[in-house]
Protein backbone atom coordinates (compact mmCIF):
# COMPACT_ATOMS: atom_id res chain seq x y z
CA UNK A 1 -0.01 0.01 -0.02
CA UNK A 2 2.88 2.49 0.85
CA UNK A 3 4.60 1.45 -2.40
CA UNK A 4 1.47 2.46 -4.33
CA UNK A 5 0.89 5.49 -2.52
CA UNK A 6 4.44 6.57 -3.22
CA UNK A 7 4.23 5.65 -6.88
CA UNK A 8 0.95 7.62 -7.27
CA UNK A 9 2.38 10.64 -5.46
CA UNK A 10 5.63 10.77 -7.51
CA UNK A 11 3.59 10.19 -10.60
CA UNK A 12 1.46 13.34 -9.67
CA UNK A 13 4.61 15.35 -9.00
CA UNK A 14 6.02 14.32 -12.35
CA UNK A 15 2.75 15.33 -14.20
CA UNK A 16 2.64 18.69 -12.32
CA UNK A 17 6.20 19.37 -13.39
CA UNK A 18 5.61 18.68 -16.83
CA UNK A 19 2.04 20.22 -16.84
CA UNK A 20 0.75 17.60 -18.78
CA UNK A 21 -1.87 14.67 -18.02
CA UNK A 22 -1.52 13.05 -21.54
CA UNK A 23 -1.27 9.29 -21.27
CA UNK A 24 2.27 8.83 -22.64
CA UNK A 25 3.39 11.46 -20.17
CA UNK A 26 1.63 9.81 -17.16
CA UNK A 27 3.16 6.30 -18.34
CA UNK A 28 6.74 7.98 -18.38
CA UNK A 29 5.93 9.25 -15.01
CA UNK A 30 4.97 5.92 -13.74
CA UNK A 31 8.22 4.35 -15.18
CA UNK A 32 10.45 7.09 -13.65
CA UNK A 33 8.64 6.92 -10.34
CA UNK A 34 8.95 3.16 -10.30
CA UNK A 35 12.58 3.57 -11.13
CA UNK A 36 13.14 5.92 -8.40
CA UNK A 37 11.33 3.68 -5.82
CA UNK A 38 13.24 0.76 -6.87
CA UNK A 39 16.55 2.39 -6.38
CA UNK A 40 15.61 4.00 -3.10
CA UNK A 41 13.28 1.52 -1.55
CA UNK A 42 15.31 0.78 1.56
CA UNK A 43 15.90 4.40 2.00
CA UNK A 44 12.19 5.33 1.62
CA UNK A 45 10.75 2.29 3.10
CA UNK A 46 12.84 1.15 6.09
CA UNK A 47 12.42 -2.41 7.33
CA UNK A 48 10.66 -1.69 10.31
CA UNK A 49 7.77 0.81 9.57
CA UNK A 50 6.53 2.93 12.67
CA UNK A 51 3.00 2.54 14.01
CA UNK A 52 0.07 3.21 11.75
CA UNK A 53 -0.93 6.24 13.83
CA UNK A 54 2.57 7.74 13.61
CA UNK A 55 2.63 7.29 9.86
CA UNK A 56 -0.89 8.96 9.66
CA UNK A 57 0.23 11.95 11.78
CA UNK A 58 3.20 12.54 9.57
CA UNK A 59 1.23 12.06 6.49
CA UNK A 60 -1.25 14.84 7.90
CA UNK A 61 1.68 17.01 8.43
CA UNK A 62 2.74 16.95 4.78
CA UNK A 63 0.46 19.78 3.48
CA UNK A 64 1.65 22.09 6.23
CA UNK A 65 5.22 21.23 5.07
CA UNK A 66 4.11 22.08 1.38
CA UNK A 67 2.61 25.40 2.55
CA UNK A 68 5.97 26.25 4.12
CA UNK A 69 7.90 25.19 1.06
CA UNK A 70 5.55 27.49 -0.97
CA UNK A 71 6.17 30.18 1.20
CA UNK A 72 9.80 29.76 0.94
CA UNK A 73 9.91 29.78 -2.66
CA UNK A 74 7.80 32.79 -2.84
CA UNK A 75 10.11 34.64 -0.50
CA UNK A 76 13.19 33.58 -2.42
CA UNK A 77 11.65 34.71 -5.70
CA UNK A 78 10.94 38.15 -4.34
CA UNK A 79 14.59 38.28 -2.97
CA UNK A 80 16.16 37.20 -6.13
CA UNK A 81 13.89 39.52 -8.26
CA UNK A 82 14.92 42.45 -6.15
CA UNK A 83 18.60 41.62 -6.54
CA UNK A 84 18.19 41.02 -10.31
CA UNK A 85 16.20 44.37 -10.87
CA UNK A 86 19.11 46.26 -8.91
CA UNK A 87 16.67 47.18 -6.06
CA UNK A 88 18.69 45.38 -3.46
CA UNK A 89 22.36 44.96 -3.55
CA UNK A 90 24.30 41.59 -4.02
CA UNK A 91 26.65 42.24 -0.84
CA UNK A 92 27.85 39.15 0.56
CA UNK A 93 26.84 35.83 -1.35
CA UNK A 94 28.35 32.83 0.40
CA UNK A 95 28.20 29.36 1.95
CA UNK A 96 26.83 28.80 5.38
CA UNK A 97 26.92 25.63 7.50
CA UNK A 98 23.52 24.74 8.65
CA UNK A 99 23.53 22.32 11.62
CA UNK A 100 21.64 19.04 10.93
CA UNK A 101 21.02 18.40 14.69
CA UNK A 102 18.86 15.49 15.32
CA UNK A 103 17.49 15.27 11.97
CA UNK A 104 17.17 11.86 10.36
CA UNK A 105 18.48 11.13 6.98
CA UNK A 106 15.29 11.42 5.38
CA UNK A 107 14.77 14.80 7.19
CA UNK A 108 18.13 16.05 5.85
CA UNK A 109 16.99 15.11 2.45
CA UNK A 110 13.71 16.82 2.83
CA UNK A 111 15.48 20.05 4.33
CA UNK A 112 18.11 20.08 1.55
CA UNK A 113 15.45 19.96 -1.17
CA UNK A 114 12.87 22.34 0.56
CA UNK A 115 15.86 24.95 0.61
CA UNK A 116 17.20 24.16 -2.75
CA UNK A 117 13.77 24.67 -4.40
CA UNK A 118 13.85 28.30 -3.07
CA UNK A 119 15.42 30.74 -5.52
CA UNK A 120 18.71 32.26 -3.79
CA UNK A 121 19.73 28.94 -1.95
CA UNK A 122 21.26 25.85 -3.12
CA UNK A 123 22.55 22.74 -1.42
CA UNK A 124 26.32 22.11 -1.85
CA UNK A 125 27.02 19.36 0.40
CA UNK A 126 26.03 17.43 3.41
CA UNK A 127 28.95 17.05 5.78
CA UNK A 128 28.06 14.20 8.06
CA UNK A 129 31.20 14.28 9.98
CA UNK A 130 30.82 18.05 10.92
CA UNK A 131 26.92 17.36 11.05
CA UNK A 132 26.19 20.22 8.87
CA UNK A 133 24.51 20.99 5.60
CA UNK A 134 26.57 23.23 3.14
CA UNK A 135 24.26 26.04 1.50
CA UNK A 136 25.25 28.67 -0.82
CA UNK A 137 22.87 31.71 -0.28
CA UNK A 138 22.61 35.12 -1.63
CA UNK A 139 22.91 37.03 1.62
CA UNK A 140 25.48 35.33 4.05
CA UNK A 141 26.80 38.32 5.57
CA UNK A 142 24.95 37.22 8.67
CA UNK A 143 25.46 33.27 8.93
CA UNK A 144 23.81 33.22 12.29
CA UNK A 145 20.50 34.80 10.97
CA UNK A 146 20.52 32.24 8.02
CA UNK A 147 20.94 29.36 10.51
CA UNK A 148 18.26 30.62 12.52
CA UNK A 149 15.98 30.89 9.60
CA UNK A 150 16.59 27.37 8.62
CA UNK A 151 16.09 26.37 12.04
CA UNK A 152 12.74 28.10 12.39
CA UNK A 153 11.50 26.48 9.07
CA UNK A 154 12.43 22.98 10.11
CA UNK A 155 10.72 23.50 13.60
CA UNK A 156 7.66 25.16 12.14
CA UNK A 157 6.99 23.37 8.91
CA UNK A 158 9.00 20.18 8.58
CA UNK A 159 9.67 18.36 11.90
CA UNK A 160 6.14 16.91 12.22
CA UNK A 161 6.20 15.50 8.75
CA UNK A 162 9.81 14.40 8.34
CA UNK A 163 11.93 14.88 11.49
């Protein structure tokens, strides 16, 4: 059942990305989704699933996470647009180390994806030895503020769905 839900979800994301629900596009989306799930099966579906109530609780938190990602993308789009249009100077782009904390491997992957989807930030690396994600951001003049922003995002939007 989990496999079918994941397959359907990935296929929907694929169709939304293409902006098409033509049968051949959906079929290709199913193939790509099945291949991704086959390659990452142990990572996505651990051998010991949690209790059903926990799975439902996390699933219920996903729409909230998506809302947070949309807000991040909107904010990043405005920030990049202001820089591109010359309304805000590009003073100090750079790399900031974001602590991983107690996040699971899936949580780190979701954090990295969520922050990379937002214009103005991109994941460079996950340094497991140091316990940090390295992000290149448009405004790195105050690294502590960038770290605090990402910590608040995790606590507010992501933690309940993908700790």
